[in-house]
Protein backbone atom coordinates (compact mmCIF):
# COMPACT_ATOMS: atom_id res chain seq x y z
CA MET A 1 -1.41 2.57 -10.35
CA LYS A 2 1.28 4.40 -8.37
CA ARG A 3 0.11 5.72 -5.02
CA ARG A 4 0.39 9.33 -3.97
CA THR A 5 3.61 10.69 -2.52
CA THR A 6 3.60 10.60 1.27
CA ILE A 7 5.45 12.54 3.95
CA HIS A 8 7.56 9.41 4.53
CA ASP A 9 8.57 9.39 0.86
CA LEU A 10 9.76 12.98 1.19
CA ARG A 11 11.89 12.23 4.23
CA ALA A 12 13.40 9.26 2.36
CA MET A 13 14.16 11.53 -0.59
CA LYS A 14 16.08 13.87 1.71
CA GLU A 15 18.00 10.96 3.23
CA ARG A 16 18.98 9.78 -0.26
CA GLY A 17 20.01 13.29 -1.30
CA GLU A 18 17.29 13.29 -3.95
CA ARG A 19 16.06 16.81 -4.79
CA ILE A 20 12.35 17.48 -4.37
CA PRO A 21 10.57 19.54 -7.07
CA MET A 22 7.31 21.25 -6.11
CA VAL A 23 5.07 23.57 -8.14
CA THR A 24 1.92 25.51 -7.36
CA CYS A 25 -1.24 24.36 -9.09
CA TYR A 26 -4.80 25.66 -9.06
CA ASP A 27 -6.90 23.78 -11.64
CA TYR A 28 -7.84 20.33 -12.95
CA THR A 29 -6.24 20.60 -16.41
CA SER A 30 -2.85 21.79 -15.17
CA ALA A 31 -2.95 19.23 -12.36
CA LYS A 32 -3.37 16.35 -14.84
CA ILE A 33 -0.30 17.49 -16.78
CA LEU A 34 1.89 18.05 -13.71
CA ASP A 35 0.81 14.76 -12.15
CA GLU A 36 1.71 12.97 -15.37
CA VAL A 37 5.27 14.35 -15.48
CA GLY A 38 5.95 13.20 -11.94
CA LEU A 39 5.79 16.22 -9.63
CA PRO A 40 5.86 14.67 -6.14
CA ILE A 41 4.14 17.69 -4.54
CA LEU A 42 1.60 20.19 -5.85
CA LEU A 43 0.90 23.23 -3.71
CA VAL A 44 -2.53 24.84 -3.94
CA GLY A 45 -1.06 28.13 -2.84
CA ASP A 46 -2.77 31.33 -1.85
CA SER A 47 -0.67 32.84 -4.64
CA LEU A 48 -3.77 32.05 -6.69
CA GLY A 49 -5.06 35.39 -5.42
CA MET A 50 -2.44 37.16 -7.53
CA VAL A 51 -1.77 34.96 -10.57
CA VAL A 52 -5.31 33.63 -11.06
CA LEU A 53 -7.64 36.22 -9.52
CA GLY A 54 -5.64 39.39 -10.14
CA HIS A 55 -5.37 40.70 -6.57
CA ASP A 56 -2.31 42.65 -5.44
CA SER A 57 -1.50 40.27 -2.57
CA THR A 58 -2.50 36.93 -1.07
CA LEU A 59 -4.50 38.56 1.72
CA ARG A 60 -7.82 38.54 -0.16
CA VAL A 61 -7.80 34.76 -0.57
CA THR A 62 -10.42 32.96 1.52
CA LEU A 63 -10.69 29.41 2.78
CA ASP A 64 -13.56 28.77 0.37
CA MET A 65 -11.33 29.84 -2.53
CA VAL A 66 -8.46 27.49 -1.76
CA ILE A 67 -10.83 24.61 -1.05
CA HIS A 68 -12.52 25.18 -4.42
CA HIS A 69 -9.19 25.09 -6.27
CA SER A 70 -7.73 22.24 -4.24
CA ALA A 71 -10.68 19.98 -5.01
CA ALA A 72 -10.17 20.68 -8.71
CA VAL A 73 -6.48 19.77 -8.43
CA ALA A 74 -7.38 16.59 -6.55
CA ARG A 75 -9.69 15.49 -9.35
CA GLY A 76 -6.82 15.81 -11.82
CA THR A 77 -4.21 13.85 -9.88
CA SER A 78 -3.49 10.36 -8.62
CA LYS A 79 0.22 10.45 -7.71
CA SER A 80 1.17 13.94 -6.52
CA MET A 81 0.77 14.88 -2.87
CA ILE A 82 -1.54 17.90 -2.60
CA VAL A 83 -0.64 20.53 -0.03
CA ILE A 84 -3.19 23.27 0.55
CA ASP A 85 -2.35 26.71 1.93
CA LEU A 86 -4.31 27.86 4.95
CA PRO A 87 -5.15 31.48 4.03
CA PHE A 88 -4.62 34.67 6.01
CA ALA A 89 -6.42 34.80 9.38
CA THR A 90 -7.79 31.24 9.17
CA TYR A 91 -5.47 29.90 11.90
CA SER A 92 -4.01 31.32 15.09
CA SER A 93 -1.83 30.22 17.96
CA SER A 94 -4.28 31.95 20.30
CA ASP A 95 -7.23 29.88 19.07
CA LEU A 96 -6.11 26.31 18.46
CA PRO A 97 -9.64 24.82 18.12
CA PHE A 98 -10.36 27.37 15.36
CA SER A 99 -7.11 26.43 13.63
CA LEU A 100 -8.00 22.75 13.82
CA ARG A 101 -11.47 23.33 12.35
CA THR A 102 -9.96 25.30 9.48
CA ALA A 103 -7.35 22.66 8.69
CA ALA A 104 -9.83 19.80 8.98
CA ARG A 105 -12.21 21.47 6.56
CA ALA A 106 -9.39 22.25 4.13
CA MET A 107 -8.26 18.62 4.16
CA ALA A 108 -11.71 17.10 3.87
CA GLU A 109 -13.34 19.43 1.34
CA GLY A 110 -10.15 20.29 -0.55
CA GLN A 111 -9.18 16.59 -0.72
CA ALA A 112 -5.60 17.50 0.19
CA GLN A 113 -3.05 15.35 1.97
CA ALA A 114 -1.43 18.17 3.98
CA VAL A 115 -1.76 21.84 4.88
CA LYS A 116 0.79 24.66 4.89
CA VAL A 117 0.98 27.39 7.52
CA GLU A 118 3.13 30.52 7.57
CA GLY A 119 5.08 31.62 10.63
CA GLY A 120 7.91 30.56 12.89
CA ARG A 121 8.06 29.79 16.60
CA ARG A 122 4.68 31.39 17.30
CA MET A 123 3.08 28.85 14.96
CA ALA A 124 4.62 25.83 16.68
CA PRO A 125 1.51 25.29 18.88
CA VAL A 126 -0.68 25.32 15.76
CA VAL A 127 1.57 22.78 14.05
CA GLY A 128 1.61 20.58 17.14
CA THR A 129 -2.17 20.67 17.50
CA LEU A 130 -2.79 19.79 13.86
CA VAL A 131 -0.18 17.02 13.78
CA ALA A 132 -1.60 15.52 16.99
CA SER A 133 -4.96 15.41 15.21
CA GLY A 134 -3.55 13.53 12.22
CA ILE A 135 -3.06 16.47 9.87
CA PRO A 136 0.38 16.68 8.19
CA VAL A 137 1.75 20.24 8.25
CA MET A 138 4.30 21.97 6.05
CA GLY A 139 5.84 25.03 7.69
CA HIS A 140 6.81 28.27 5.94
CA ILE A 141 9.38 30.77 7.22
CA GLY A 142 11.51 33.58 5.84
CA LEU A 143 9.36 35.88 3.76
CA THR A 144 5.78 35.08 4.78
CA PRO A 145 3.45 36.88 2.33
CA GLN A 146 0.49 36.80 4.72
CA SER A 147 2.52 39.06 7.05
CA ILE A 148 3.66 41.40 4.29
CA HIS A 149 2.42 44.54 6.04
CA MET A 150 4.32 43.62 9.20
CA ILE A 151 7.48 42.76 7.27
CA GLY A 152 7.31 45.97 5.24
CA GLY A 153 7.43 44.55 1.72
CA TYR A 154 8.83 41.64 -0.24
CA ARG A 155 12.31 41.62 1.28
CA VAL A 156 14.96 38.97 1.82
CA GLN A 157 14.82 37.76 5.43
CA GLY A 158 17.65 36.66 7.72
CA ARG A 159 20.41 38.95 6.49
CA THR A 160 21.56 40.07 9.95
CA GLN A 161 22.95 37.68 12.54
CA GLN A 162 20.00 38.31 14.83
CA ALA A 163 17.48 37.69 12.07
CA ALA A 164 19.35 34.56 10.97
CA ASP A 165 19.31 33.22 14.52
CA ARG A 166 15.55 33.75 14.66
CA LEU A 167 15.04 31.76 11.47
CA VAL A 168 17.21 28.92 12.74
CA ALA A 169 15.22 28.85 15.98
CA ALA A 170 11.96 28.96 14.03
CA ALA A 171 12.97 26.02 11.82
CA LEU A 172 13.98 23.93 14.82
CA ALA A 173 10.75 24.78 16.65
CA LEU A 174 8.61 23.78 13.67
CA GLU A 175 10.50 20.51 13.26
CA LYS A 176 10.08 19.74 16.97
CA ALA A 177 6.35 20.53 16.72
CA GLY A 178 5.99 17.88 14.01
CA ALA A 179 6.16 19.68 10.65
CA PHE A 180 7.08 17.23 7.88
CA ALA A 181 8.80 19.90 5.73
CA ILE A 182 9.52 23.64 5.77
CA VAL A 183 9.39 26.19 2.95
CA LEU A 184 12.24 28.73 3.11
CA GLU A 185 11.29 31.85 1.13
CA LEU A 186 13.69 34.69 0.27
CA VAL A 187 16.41 33.53 2.64
CA PRO A 188 20.13 34.03 1.92
CA ALA A 189 21.49 30.89 0.29
CA PRO A 190 24.19 30.15 2.91
CA LEU A 191 21.63 30.41 5.73
CA ALA A 192 19.12 28.22 3.89
CA GLU A 193 21.80 25.59 3.32
CA ARG A 194 22.79 25.74 6.98
CA ILE A 195 19.18 25.23 8.11
CA SER A 196 18.70 22.40 5.61
CA LYS A 197 21.69 20.53 7.03
CA MET A 198 20.47 21.02 10.61
CA LEU A 199 17.04 19.54 10.02
CA SER A 200 16.01 15.91 9.55
CA ILE A 201 12.95 17.05 7.58
CA PRO A 202 13.13 18.43 4.02
CA THR A 203 13.43 22.12 3.24
CA ILE A 204 11.78 23.49 0.11
CA GLY A 205 13.34 26.70 -1.12
CA ILE A 206 11.97 29.59 -3.12
CA GLY A 207 14.56 32.29 -3.53
CA ALA A 208 16.72 30.46 -0.98
CA GLY A 209 19.46 29.00 -3.17
CA ALA A 210 20.41 25.52 -4.26
CA GLY A 211 21.30 24.21 -0.80
CA CYS A 212 17.70 23.37 0.07
CA ASP A 213 16.39 19.82 -0.25
CA GLY A 214 13.84 20.90 -2.85
CA GLN A 215 12.50 23.87 -4.76
CA VAL A 216 9.03 25.35 -5.26
CA GLN A 217 7.96 27.83 -7.91
CA VAL A 218 4.71 29.44 -8.98
CA PHE A 219 3.37 27.59 -12.03
CA HIS A 220 2.39 30.78 -13.85
CA ASP A 221 5.89 32.23 -13.41
CA ILE A 222 7.91 29.30 -14.73
CA MET A 223 5.49 28.62 -17.60
CA GLY A 224 5.47 32.25 -18.77
CA MET A 225 1.77 32.77 -18.14
CA PHE A 226 2.04 35.64 -15.63
CA GLU A 227 3.70 38.53 -17.45
CA ASP A 228 3.28 41.39 -14.96
CA PHE A 229 6.75 40.67 -13.58
CA LEU A 230 9.17 37.77 -13.12
CA PRO A 231 10.70 37.37 -9.64
CA LYS A 232 14.49 37.10 -9.50
CA HIS A 233 14.20 33.60 -8.03
CA ALA A 234 12.12 32.29 -10.97
CA ARG A 235 13.13 31.03 -14.40
CA ARG A 236 10.80 30.75 -17.39
CA TYR A 237 10.75 27.26 -18.86
CA ALA A 238 8.01 27.95 -21.42
CA ASP A 239 6.20 30.82 -23.12
CA VAL A 240 2.62 29.69 -22.63
CA ALA A 241 1.29 33.24 -22.78
CA GLY A 242 2.93 33.70 -26.17
CA SER A 243 1.50 30.41 -27.46
CA ILE A 244 -2.00 31.34 -26.27
CA ARG A 245 -1.70 34.81 -27.79
CA GLU A 246 -0.63 33.41 -31.16
CA GLY A 247 -3.31 30.72 -31.12
CA ALA A 248 -5.99 33.28 -30.26
CA ARG A 249 -4.86 35.55 -33.12
CA ARG A 250 -5.06 32.67 -35.59
CA TYR A 251 -8.54 31.74 -34.33
CA VAL A 252 -9.79 35.33 -34.64
CA ALA A 253 -8.37 35.60 -38.17
CA ASP A 254 -9.90 32.29 -39.28
CA VAL A 255 -13.35 33.25 -37.99
CA ARG A 256 -13.24 36.68 -39.59
CA GLU A 257 -12.04 35.28 -42.91
CA GLY A 258 -14.56 32.46 -42.95
CA LYS A 259 -11.90 29.75 -42.68
CA PHE A 260 -13.39 28.33 -39.48
CA PRO A 261 -15.41 26.24 -39.09
CA GLY A 262 -14.60 24.06 -42.07
CA PRO A 263 -16.44 20.97 -43.30
CA GLU A 264 -14.46 18.83 -40.86
CA ASN A 265 -15.81 20.91 -37.98
CA SER A 266 -19.46 20.71 -39.09
CA TYR A 267 -22.16 18.06 -38.91
CA ASP A 268 -24.45 16.64 -41.59
CA ALA A 269 -28.18 16.47 -41.00
CA GLU A 270 -29.53 13.09 -39.94
CA PRO A 271 -31.47 11.28 -42.67
CA VAL A 272 -35.18 12.19 -42.52
CA GLN A 273 -37.44 9.20 -41.81
CA ASP A 274 -40.62 8.97 -43.91
CA LYS A 275 -43.24 8.42 -41.24
CA ARG A 276 -45.80 7.23 -43.84
CA GLY A 277 -43.67 4.15 -44.50
CA GLY A 278 -44.17 4.31 -48.28
């Protein structure tokens, strides 16, 4: 049986120029399918708050929620590395022991192999503390959804020279602190490519162009399950919502018309034993 992807495998992939695909995942059934097709990384993202639970942002997601979903993903996989998001306000550079307790619980109870934290240079102490304690950390800069109210909306980051310089500095600080990879979200493609070439660790882009070392997308977006909107950076590779809708219509029609269940879906009674023996 093939072992799980490791952080060393990912660095080797970057060195070989091999692109790294990554997808979010939140449940056992989807995890089994994605593990089977060879996804090296599955992210149990706090995006579950929006695409699974119906919230308007990721801010309502709790540590208990991501642990619950991560454990389900772990039960469905044997090869993919599982990265679990640390949710809003569960880690802080001003309280490193708290951050360590959060990450340790996420790893142990969520059965993940790494955690992901949002934020640039201010998160470097958190990354360093976790890495020093044996917890692999994936960074996340650019658009950081947990800071959406500070950013002022879902906007591309790094468009000015000053903002670009800050992202470069953030990426270098996270690498120095020990992050094994960095997500670049909604970053201009030339800047993302520049950062990717500067770093020895992989970059995983989402809305950051093709110059990153890998790409991550939300499962429900690329499979056509979340129909509220499709981000510009996503592409639909299936119409799962349409297939479910059609299957549900056929089921409803068959039940109403008496076509289901049929004889093949029913059971015969067991032979009755004559207890008198005669």
